[in-house]
Amino acid sequence: MRYSFKNKDRSLPLYLDSIGYGWQQEAVKRPQGYPYVHWLQTYSGVGIVEIENQTLRLEPGQGILINQGIAHNYHSESDNENATWHTGYFTFGGALVSEITTTLGFHDYLYLSEPDDNITKFIETHYDEIENKDPFHIYGSSELVYNFLLMLKKYMLDNPRNQQAYQKIIAPILDLIQEHYVDDLDNTDFQRVTHYSTQYILETFRTNYGSTPHQILIDLRIRKAKELLLNQPNLSVEEIGRMVGFNTYSYFIMMFKRAERVTPGKFRQFYF
């Protein structure tokens, strides 16, 4: 079963694009990524997900959240035509999807090897509700997407296997980035607040966030820059870049365009 929303209210902070349940999954190659955030989980069979030089097995009950624009491929583990891979998925976007996923701590991808029942049964539980043709269902589906993201966040915090890493490594670095994002932070700063090696820090962040501390820092600076671009029209783009921690104007332009697909000046023109 598969359902795709033809009418989307793109002004919503979050909106659902499509949902599939019990889907016989075909092979997918996306060298440029996908324009929406994508949740994929296995119901039966085993899938192989290739993302950011990582190869992940997606066994029954396991799932992965892939952010928009992140290159990835996936396919069934077996070449046997009788050994099908059945999945559930939904894709979503929104006016504030980048800000919300960044704030909740989801970056390039998030792999869940042992999700709880609330997560694994989410699509099955809400599929009929989402498919409802009520003209107001798009707003209810927006709420469901947000609730799902909160469940993922709770899982990350409550999972005993993640708690120690979160308290000793992730939380101190996130606090440092939040308080000092305008400073020239690097790996030595992350080592200083955690007393762990750079290699172990990077492995921990890749496992829990599918990203790096540096990318999280850049994401926060971009989010702060967007706030200033919209709320401080008297400030120049170059001034805003310096205020949020970018050392050079060209680097600010490059990072902003990579994140938002437009330059800071063009972004501002959308609203003024």
C-alpha atoms as a PDB file:
ATOM      1  CA  MET A   1       0.000   0.000   0.000  1.00  0.00           C
ATOM      2  CA  ARG A   2       1.285   3.392  -0.953  1.00  0.00           C
ATOM      3  CA  TYR A   3      -0.133   6.891  -0.680  1.00  0.00           C
ATOM      4  CA  SER A   4       1.277  10.156  -1.981  1.00  0.00           C
ATOM      5  CA  PHE A   5      -0.044  13.613  -1.122  1.00  0.00           C
ATOM      6  CA  LYS A   6      -0.792  15.606  -4.264  1.00  0.00           C
ATOM      7  CA  ASN A   7      -1.901  18.711  -2.375  1.00  0.00           C
ATOM      8  CA  LYS A   8       0.635  19.955   0.149  1.00  0.00           C
ATOM      9  CA  ASP A   9       0.499  23.091   2.262  1.00  0.00           C
ATOM     10  CA  ARG A  10       4.156  24.084   1.901  1.00  0.00           C
ATOM     11  CA  SER A  11       3.729  26.901   4.424  1.00  0.00           C
ATOM     12  CA  LEU A  12       3.436  24.331   7.235  1.00  0.00           C
ATOM     13  CA  PRO A  13       6.513  23.782   9.424  1.00  0.00           C
ATOM     14  CA  LEU A  14       6.212  20.078   8.523  1.00  0.00           C
ATOM     15  CA  TYR A  15       4.087  18.297   5.939  1.00  0.00           C
ATOM     16  CA  LEU A  16       3.843  14.695   4.777  1.00  0.00           C
ATOM     17  CA  ASP A  17       4.852  13.895   1.199  1.00  0.00           C
ATOM     18  CA  SER A  18       4.226  10.140   0.935  1.00  0.00           C
ATOM     19  CA  ILE A  19       3.766   6.991   2.983  1.00  0.00           C
ATOM     20  CA  GLY A  20       4.080   3.297   2.206  1.00  0.00           C
ATOM     21  CA  TYR A  21       3.212   0.226   4.269  1.00  0.00           C
ATOM     22  CA  GLY A  22       4.167  -3.372   3.489  1.00  0.00           C
ATOM     23  CA  TRP A  23       5.858  -2.210   0.304  1.00  0.00           C
ATOM     24  CA  GLN A  24       7.799  -4.689  -1.857  1.00  0.00           C
ATOM     25  CA  GLN A  25      10.927  -2.581  -2.012  1.00  0.00           C
ATOM     26  CA  GLU A  26      12.760  -2.117  -5.284  1.00  0.00           C
ATOM     27  CA  ALA A  27      16.412  -1.049  -5.546  1.00  0.00           C
ATOM     28  CA  VAL A  28      16.936   2.714  -5.279  1.00  0.00           C
ATOM     29  CA  LYS A  29      19.956   4.831  -6.295  1.00  0.00           C
ATOM     30  CA  ARG A  30      20.005   8.505  -5.315  1.00  0.00           C
ATOM     31  CA  PRO A  31      23.438  10.060  -5.961  1.00  0.00           C
ATOM     32  CA  GLN A  32      21.949  13.508  -5.337  1.00  0.00           C
ATOM     33  CA  GLY A  33      19.852  12.433  -2.384  1.00  0.00           C
ATOM     34  CA  TYR A  34      16.101  12.936  -2.084  1.00  0.00           C
ATOM     35  CA  PRO A  35      14.307  16.294  -1.805  1.00  0.00           C
ATOM     36  CA  TYR A  36      12.440  15.196   1.337  1.00  0.00           C
ATOM     37  CA  VAL A  37      13.481  13.730   4.676  1.00  0.00           C
ATOM     38  CA  HIS A  38      13.006   9.977   4.402  1.00  0.00           C
ATOM     39  CA  TRP A  39      12.202   7.330   7.040  1.00  0.00           C
ATOM     40  CA  LEU A  40      12.689   3.724   5.896  1.00  0.00           C
ATOM     41  CA  GLN A  41      12.164   0.555   7.943  1.00  0.00           C
ATOM     42  CA  THR A  42      12.140  -3.180   7.272  1.00  0.00           C
ATOM     43  CA  TYR A  43       9.114  -5.415   7.845  1.00  0.00           C
ATOM     44  CA  SER A  44      10.530  -8.600   6.312  1.00  0.00           C
ATOM     45  CA  GLY A  45      13.657  -9.612   4.464  1.00  0.00           C
ATOM     46  CA  VAL A  46      16.872  -7.634   4.802  1.00  0.00           C
ATOM     47  CA  GLY A  47      17.897  -4.448   3.058  1.00  0.00           C
ATOM     48  CA  ILE A  48      21.310  -2.935   2.422  1.00  0.00           C
ATOM     49  CA  VAL A  49      21.662   0.834   2.769  1.00  0.00           C
ATOM     50  CA  GLU A  50      24.774   2.573   1.433  1.00  0.00           C
ATOM     51  CA  ILE A  51      25.250   6.081   2.778  1.00  0.00           C
ATOM     52  CA  GLU A  52      28.299   8.285   3.402  1.00  0.00           C
ATOM     53  CA  ASN A  53      30.794   5.456   2.845  1.00  0.00           C
ATOM     54  CA  GLN A  54      28.854   3.250   5.286  1.00  0.00           C
ATOM     55  CA  THR A  55      27.059  -0.005   4.459  1.00  0.00           C
ATOM     56  CA  LEU A  56      24.203  -0.761   6.856  1.00  0.00           C
ATOM     57  CA  ARG A  57      22.019  -3.868   7.095  1.00  0.00           C
ATOM     58  CA  LEU A  58      18.351  -3.088   7.684  1.00  0.00           C
ATOM     59  CA  GLU A  59      16.861  -6.157   9.340  1.00  0.00           C
ATOM     60  CA  PRO A  60      13.196  -6.573  10.393  1.00  0.00           C
ATOM     61  CA  GLY A  61      12.275  -3.877  12.903  1.00  0.00           C
ATOM     62  CA  GLN A  62      15.280  -1.706  12.105  1.00  0.00           C
ATOM     63  CA  GLY A  63      15.036   1.677  10.428  1.00  0.00           C
ATOM     64  CA  ILE A  64      16.936   4.703   9.186  1.00  0.00           C
ATOM     65  CA  LEU A  65      16.092   8.399   8.909  1.00  0.00           C
ATOM     66  CA  ILE A  66      17.855  10.043   5.950  1.00  0.00           C
ATOM     67  CA  ASN A  67      17.946  13.809   5.672  1.00  0.00           C
ATOM     68  CA  GLN A  68      17.101  15.649   2.467  1.00  0.00           C
ATOM     69  CA  GLY A  69      19.861  15.933  -0.101  1.00  0.00           C
ATOM     70  CA  ILE A  70      22.049  13.160   1.387  1.00  0.00           C
ATOM     71  CA  ALA A  71      23.298  10.734  -1.277  1.00  0.00           C
ATOM     72  CA  HIS A  72      22.303   7.117  -0.663  1.00  0.00           C
ATOM     73  CA  ASN A  73      21.433   3.781  -2.273  1.00  0.00           C
ATOM     74  CA  TYR A  74      19.480   0.810  -0.978  1.00  0.00           C
ATOM     75  CA  HIS A  75      18.501  -2.633  -2.205  1.00  0.00           C
ATOM     76  CA  SER A  76      17.553  -6.095  -1.009  1.00  0.00           C
ATOM     77  CA  GLU A  77      20.400  -8.100   0.486  1.00  0.00           C
ATOM     78  CA  SER A  78      19.383 -11.192  -1.472  1.00  0.00           C
ATOM     79  CA  ASP A  79      19.572 -11.628  -5.233  1.00  0.00           C
ATOM     80  CA  ASN A  80      16.957 -14.377  -4.955  1.00  0.00           C
ATOM     81  CA  GLU A  81      13.735 -13.124  -6.559  1.00  0.00           C
ATOM     82  CA  ASN A  82      11.722 -15.091  -3.985  1.00  0.00           C
ATOM     83  CA  ALA A  83      13.486 -13.389  -1.066  1.00  0.00           C
ATOM     84  CA  THR A  84      11.702 -10.058  -1.217  1.00  0.00           C
ATOM     85  CA  TRP A  85      12.362  -7.078   0.999  1.00  0.00           C
ATOM     86  CA  HIS A  86       9.208  -5.491   2.417  1.00  0.00           C
ATOM     87  CA  THR A  87       9.467  -2.020   3.899  1.00  0.00           C
ATOM     88  CA  GLY A  88       7.503   0.812   5.382  1.00  0.00           C
ATOM     89  CA  TYR A  89       8.421   4.404   4.715  1.00  0.00           C
ATOM     90  CA  PHE A  90       7.289   7.968   4.751  1.00  0.00           C
ATOM     91  CA  THR A  91       8.798  11.158   3.407  1.00  0.00           C
ATOM     92  CA  PHE A  92       8.236  14.685   4.624  1.00  0.00           C
ATOM     93  CA  GLY A  93       9.348  18.273   4.186  1.00  0.00           C
ATOM     94  CA  GLY A  94       8.259  21.658   5.467  1.00  0.00           C
ATOM     95  CA  ALA A  95       9.088  25.329   5.756  1.00  0.00           C
ATOM     96  CA  LEU A  96      11.033  24.655   8.960  1.00  0.00           C
ATOM     97  CA  VAL A  97      12.117  21.062   8.385  1.00  0.00           C
ATOM     98  CA  SER A  98      15.843  21.926   8.422  1.00  0.00           C
ATOM     99  CA  GLU A  99      15.529  23.938  11.624  1.00  0.00           C
ATOM    100  CA  ILE A 100      13.424  21.299  13.379  1.00  0.00           C
ATOM    101  CA  THR A 101      15.616  18.338  12.457  1.00  0.00           C
ATOM    102  CA  THR A 102      18.756  20.266  13.428  1.00  0.00           C
ATOM    103  CA  THR A 103      17.280  21.383  16.742  1.00  0.00           C
ATOM    104  CA  LEU A 104      16.238  17.827  17.586  1.00  0.00           C
ATOM    105  CA  GLY A 105      19.708  16.567  16.736  1.00  0.00           C
ATOM    106  CA  PHE A 106      19.019  14.745  13.446  1.00  0.00           C
ATOM    107  CA  HIS A 107      21.596  15.490  10.781  1.00  0.00           C
ATOM    108  CA  ASP A 108      22.693  13.486   7.744  1.00  0.00           C
ATOM    109  CA  TYR A 109      21.152  10.203   8.856  1.00  0.00           C
ATOM    110  CA  LEU A 110      20.076   8.309  11.972  1.00  0.00           C
ATOM    111  CA  TYR A 111      20.283   4.506  12.048  1.00  0.00           C
ATOM    112  CA  LEU A 112      18.114   2.688  14.617  1.00  0.00           C
ATOM    113  CA  SER A 113      19.209  -0.886  15.259  1.00  0.00           C
ATOM    114  CA  GLU A 114      16.803  -1.505  18.158  1.00  0.00           C
ATOM    115  CA  PRO A 115      13.842   0.896  17.924  1.00  0.00           C
ATOM    116  CA  ASP A 116      10.941   0.449  20.319  1.00  0.00           C
ATOM    117  CA  ASP A 117       7.429  -0.672  19.364  1.00  0.00           C
ATOM    118  CA  ASN A 118       6.080   2.885  19.171  1.00  0.00           C
ATOM    119  CA  ILE A 119       8.511   3.596  16.351  1.00  0.00           C
ATOM    120  CA  THR A 120       8.293   0.288  14.473  1.00  0.00           C
ATOM    121  CA  LYS A 121       4.467   0.285  14.554  1.00  0.00           C
ATOM    122  CA  PHE A 122       4.024   3.985  13.797  1.00  0.00           C
ATOM    123  CA  ILE A 123       3.304   3.600  10.072  1.00  0.00           C
ATOM    124  CA  GLU A 124       1.029   0.588  10.567  1.00  0.00           C
ATOM    125  CA  THR A 125      -0.863   2.413  13.333  1.00  0.00           C
ATOM    126  CA  HIS A 126      -1.408   5.662  11.452  1.00  0.00           C
ATOM    127  CA  TYR A 127      -1.581   4.608   7.796  1.00  0.00           C
ATOM    128  CA  ASP A 128      -5.392   4.547   7.593  1.00  0.00           C
ATOM    129  CA  GLU A 129      -5.595   7.845   9.445  1.00  0.00           C
ATOM    130  CA  ILE A 130      -3.132   9.491   7.048  1.00  0.00           C
ATOM    131  CA  GLU A 131      -4.835   8.062   3.971  1.00  0.00           C
ATOM    132  CA  ASN A 132      -8.171   9.548   5.088  1.00  0.00           C
ATOM    133  CA  LYS A 133      -9.443  11.886   2.381  1.00  0.00           C
ATOM    134  CA  ASP A 134     -10.698  14.474   4.889  1.00  0.00           C
ATOM    135  CA  PRO A 135      -9.600  17.872   3.438  1.00  0.00           C
ATOM    136  CA  PHE A 136      -8.039  18.761   6.788  1.00  0.00           C
ATOM    137  CA  HIS A 137      -5.958  15.578   7.005  1.00  0.00           C
ATOM    138  CA  ILE A 138      -2.830  17.356   5.754  1.00  0.00           C
ATOM    139  CA  TYR A 139      -2.731  19.316   9.019  1.00  0.00           C
ATOM    140  CA  GLY A 140      -3.185  16.201  11.115  1.00  0.00           C
ATOM    141  CA  SER A 141      -0.404  14.482   9.195  1.00  0.00           C
ATOM    142  CA  SER A 142       1.881  17.443   9.941  1.00  0.00           C
ATOM    143  CA  GLU A 143       1.309  16.844  13.639  1.00  0.00           C
ATOM    144  CA  LEU A 144       2.008  13.130  13.207  1.00  0.00           C
ATOM    145  CA  VAL A 145       5.365  13.834  11.561  1.00  0.00           C
ATOM    146  CA  TYR A 146       6.389  16.037  14.471  1.00  0.00           C
ATOM    147  CA  ASN A 147       5.265  13.413  16.982  1.00  0.00           C
ATOM    148  CA  PHE A 148       7.334  10.816  15.161  1.00  0.00           C
ATOM    149  CA  LEU A 149      10.442  13.011  15.318  1.00  0.00           C
ATOM    150  CA  LEU A 150       9.905  13.482  19.045  1.00  0.00           C
ATOM    151  CA  MET A 151       9.676   9.699  19.469  1.00  0.00           C
ATOM    152  CA  LEU A 152      13.016   9.329  17.691  1.00  0.00           C
ATOM    153  CA  LYS A 153      14.533  11.973  19.954  1.00  0.00           C
ATOM    154  CA  LYS A 154      13.204  10.225  23.055  1.00  0.00           C
ATOM    155  CA  TYR A 155      14.610   6.926  21.795  1.00  0.00           C
ATOM    156  CA  MET A 156      18.046   8.492  21.395  1.00  0.00           C
ATOM    157  CA  LEU A 157      17.982   9.807  24.950  1.00  0.00           C
ATOM    158  CA  ASP A 158      16.398   6.768  26.634  1.00  0.00           C
ATOM    159  CA  ASN A 159      18.297   3.997  24.869  1.00  0.00           C
ATOM    160  CA  PRO A 160      20.683   2.649  27.566  1.00  0.00           C
ATOM    161  CA  ARG A 161      23.326   1.992  24.940  1.00  0.00           C
ATOM    162  CA  ASN A 162      23.312   5.684  24.045  1.00  0.00           C
ATOM    163  CA  GLN A 163      22.998   7.302  27.478  1.00  0.00           C
ATOM    164  CA  GLN A 164      26.642   7.098  28.493  1.00  0.00           C
ATOM    165  CA  ALA A 165      27.861   8.400  25.152  1.00  0.00           C
ATOM    166  CA  TYR A 166      25.291  11.192  25.264  1.00  0.00           C
ATOM    167  CA  GLN A 167      26.194  12.339  28.777  1.00  0.00           C
ATOM    168  CA  LYS A 168      29.975  12.094  28.433  1.00  0.00           C
ATOM    169  CA  ILE A 169      30.548  13.094  24.809  1.00  0.00           C
ATOM    170  CA  ILE A 170      27.528  14.382  22.932  1.00  0.00           C
ATOM    171  CA  ALA A 171      25.939  16.691  25.520  1.00  0.00           C
ATOM    172  CA  PRO A 172      29.163  18.553  26.444  1.00  0.00           C
ATOM    173  CA  ILE A 173      29.977  19.172  22.776  1.00  0.00           C
ATOM    174  CA  LEU A 174      26.437  20.267  21.908  1.00  0.00           C
ATOM    175  CA  ASP A 175      26.477  22.660  24.889  1.00  0.00           C
ATOM    176  CA  LEU A 176      29.833  24.060  23.765  1.00  0.00           C
ATOM    177  CA  ILE A 177      28.565  24.588  20.226  1.00  0.00           C
ATOM    178  CA  GLN A 178      25.343  26.213  21.441  1.00  0.00           C
ATOM    179  CA  GLU A 179      27.168  28.666  23.714  1.00  0.00           C
ATOM    180  CA  HIS A 180      30.221  29.401  21.546  1.00  0.00           C
ATOM    181  CA  TYR A 181      29.097  28.922  17.934  1.00  0.00           C
ATOM    182  CA  VAL A 182      30.546  32.314  16.980  1.00  0.00           C
ATOM    183  CA  ASP A 183      34.018  31.206  18.102  1.00  0.00           C
ATOM    184  CA  ASP A 184      36.523  29.347  15.963  1.00  0.00           C
ATOM    185  CA  LEU A 185      35.846  25.892  17.425  1.00  0.00           C
ATOM    186  CA  ASP A 186      37.783  22.844  16.257  1.00  0.00           C
ATOM    187  CA  ASN A 187      38.497  19.261  17.298  1.00  0.00           C
ATOM    188  CA  THR A 188      40.877  20.331  20.077  1.00  0.00           C
ATOM    189  CA  ASP A 189      37.995  22.172  21.762  1.00  0.00           C
ATOM    190  CA  PHE A 190      35.822  19.050  21.522  1.00  0.00           C
ATOM    191  CA  GLN A 191      38.623  16.973  23.033  1.00  0.00           C
ATOM    192  CA  ARG A 192      39.031  19.482  25.842  1.00  0.00           C
ATOM    193  CA  VAL A 193      35.416  19.276  27.054  1.00  0.00           C
ATOM    194  CA  THR A 194      35.127  15.481  26.762  1.00  0.00           C
ATOM    195  CA  HIS A 195      38.670  14.156  27.349  1.00  0.00           C
ATOM    196  CA  TYR A 196      38.201  11.713  24.477  1.00  0.00           C
ATOM    197  CA  SER A 197      40.155  11.355  21.228  1.00  0.00           C
ATOM    198  CA  THR A 198      38.965  13.009  18.038  1.00  0.00           C
ATOM    199  CA  GLN A 199      38.513   9.600  16.399  1.00  0.00           C
ATOM    200  CA  TYR A 200      36.244   8.343  19.185  1.00  0.00           C
ATOM    201  CA  ILE A 201      34.260  11.598  19.214  1.00  0.00           C
ATOM    202  CA  LEU A 202      33.674  11.395  15.466  1.00  0.00           C
ATOM    203  CA  GLU A 203      32.653   7.730  15.669  1.00  0.00           C
ATOM    204  CA  THR A 204      30.200   8.521  18.471  1.00  0.00           C
ATOM    205  CA  PHE A 205      28.581  11.364  16.539  1.00  0.00           C
ATOM    206  CA  ARG A 206      28.379   9.339  13.338  1.00  0.00           C
ATOM    207  CA  THR A 207      26.711   6.470  15.197  1.00  0.00           C
ATOM    208  CA  ASN A 208      24.194   8.646  17.061  1.00  0.00           C
ATOM    209  CA  TYR A 209      23.666  11.533  14.654  1.00  0.00           C
ATOM    210  CA  GLY A 210      25.021  10.492  11.283  1.00  0.00           C
ATOM    211  CA  SER A 211      27.014  13.722  11.324  1.00  0.00           C
ATOM    212  CA  THR A 212      30.048  15.411  12.886  1.00  0.00           C
ATOM    213  CA  PRO A 213      30.407  18.136  15.527  1.00  0.00           C
ATOM    214  CA  HIS A 214      31.755  20.470  12.844  1.00  0.00           C
ATOM    215  CA  GLN A 215      28.686  19.952  10.643  1.00  0.00           C
ATOM    216  CA  ILE A 216      26.397  20.554  13.621  1.00  0.00           C
ATOM    217  CA  LEU A 217      28.293  23.783  14.264  1.00  0.00           C
ATOM    218  CA  ILE A 218      27.826  24.862  10.641  1.00  0.00           C
ATOM    219  CA  ASP A 219      24.114  23.973  10.752  1.00  0.00           C
ATOM    220  CA  LEU A 220      23.619  26.112  13.864  1.00  0.00           C
ATOM    221  CA  ARG A 221      25.468  29.053  12.327  1.00  0.00           C
ATOM    222  CA  ILE A 222      23.283  28.828   9.214  1.00  0.00           C
ATOM    223  CA  ARG A 223      20.141  28.739  11.356  1.00  0.00           C
ATOM    224  CA  LYS A 224      21.297  31.810  13.314  1.00  0.00           C
ATOM    225  CA  ALA A 225      22.199  33.555  10.055  1.00  0.00           C
ATOM    226  CA  LYS A 226      18.703  32.933   8.688  1.00  0.00           C
ATOM    227  CA  GLU A 227      17.184  34.482  11.812  1.00  0.00           C
ATOM    228  CA  LEU A 228      19.330  37.599  11.400  1.00  0.00           C
ATOM    229  CA  LEU A 229      18.667  37.838   7.663  1.00  0.00           C
ATOM    230  CA  LEU A 230      14.937  37.962   8.361  1.00  0.00           C
ATOM    231  CA  ASN A 231      14.917  40.011  11.569  1.00  0.00           C
ATOM    232  CA  GLN A 232      17.765  42.480  10.966  1.00  0.00           C
ATOM    233  CA  PRO A 233      17.299  43.865   7.423  1.00  0.00           C
ATOM    234  CA  ASN A 234      19.643  46.755   8.262  1.00  0.00           C
ATOM    235  CA  LEU A 235      22.602  44.370   8.550  1.00  0.00           C
ATOM    236  CA  SER A 236      24.547  43.418   5.440  1.00  0.00           C
ATOM    237  CA  VAL A 237      25.013  39.780   4.464  1.00  0.00           C
ATOM    238  CA  GLU A 238      28.731  40.073   5.136  1.00  0.00           C
ATOM    239  CA  GLU A 239      28.122  41.480   8.639  1.00  0.00           C
ATOM    240  CA  ILE A 240      25.739  38.629   9.446  1.00  0.00           C
ATOM    241  CA  GLY A 241      28.275  36.048   8.304  1.00  0.00           C
ATOM    242  CA  ARG A 242      30.848  37.446  10.735  1.00  0.00           C
ATOM    243  CA  MET A 243      28.306  37.679  13.560  1.00  0.00           C
ATOM    244  CA  VAL A 244      27.480  33.970  13.389  1.00  0.00           C
ATOM    245  CA  GLY A 245      31.096  32.810  13.251  1.00  0.00           C
ATOM    246  CA  PHE A 246      32.147  32.579   9.600  1.00  0.00           C
ATOM    247  CA  ASN A 247      35.653  33.968   9.183  1.00  0.00           C
ATOM    248  CA  THR A 248      35.325  34.882   5.524  1.00  0.00           C
ATOM    249  CA  TYR A 249      32.485  36.148   3.384  1.00  0.00           C
ATOM    250  CA  SER A 250      33.137  33.565   0.637  1.00  0.00           C
ATOM    251  CA  TYR A 251      33.006  30.664   3.109  1.00  0.00           C
ATOM    252  CA  PHE A 252      29.713  31.939   4.511  1.00  0.00           C
ATOM    253  CA  ILE A 253      28.199  32.143   1.012  1.00  0.00           C
ATOM    254  CA  MET A 254      29.423  28.655   0.119  1.00  0.00           C
ATOM    255  CA  MET A 255      28.126  27.010   3.329  1.00  0.00           C
ATOM    256  CA  PHE A 256      24.790  28.823   3.207  1.00  0.00           C
ATOM    257  CA  LYS A 257      24.179  27.892  -0.426  1.00  0.00           C
ATOM    258  CA  ARG A 258      25.121  24.285   0.256  1.00  0.00           C
ATOM    259  CA  ALA A 259      22.579  24.112   3.090  1.00  0.00           C
ATOM    260  CA  GLU A 260      19.732  26.159   1.635  1.00  0.00           C
ATOM    261  CA  ARG A 261      20.287  25.829  -2.143  1.00  0.00           C
ATOM    262  CA  VAL A 262      20.324  29.642  -2.446  1.00  0.00           C
ATOM    263  CA  THR A 263      22.674  32.439  -1.423  1.00  0.00           C
ATOM    264  CA  PRO A 264      21.962  34.448   1.772  1.00  0.00           C
ATOM    265  CA  GLY A 265      21.015  37.479  -0.304  1.00  0.00           C
ATOM    266  CA  LYS A 266      18.553  35.484  -2.386  1.00  0.00           C
ATOM    267  CA  PHE A 267      17.109  33.918   0.761  1.00  0.00           C
ATOM    268  CA  ARG A 268      16.461  37.374   2.204  1.00  0.00           C
ATOM    269  CA  GLN A 269      14.787  38.525  -1.029  1.00  0.00           C
ATOM    270  CA  PHE A 270      12.180  35.788  -0.653  1.00  0.00           C
ATOM    271  CA  TYR A 271      10.796  37.620   2.393  1.00  0.00           C
ATOM    272  CA  PHE A 272      11.324  41.310   1.538  1.00  0.00           C
END
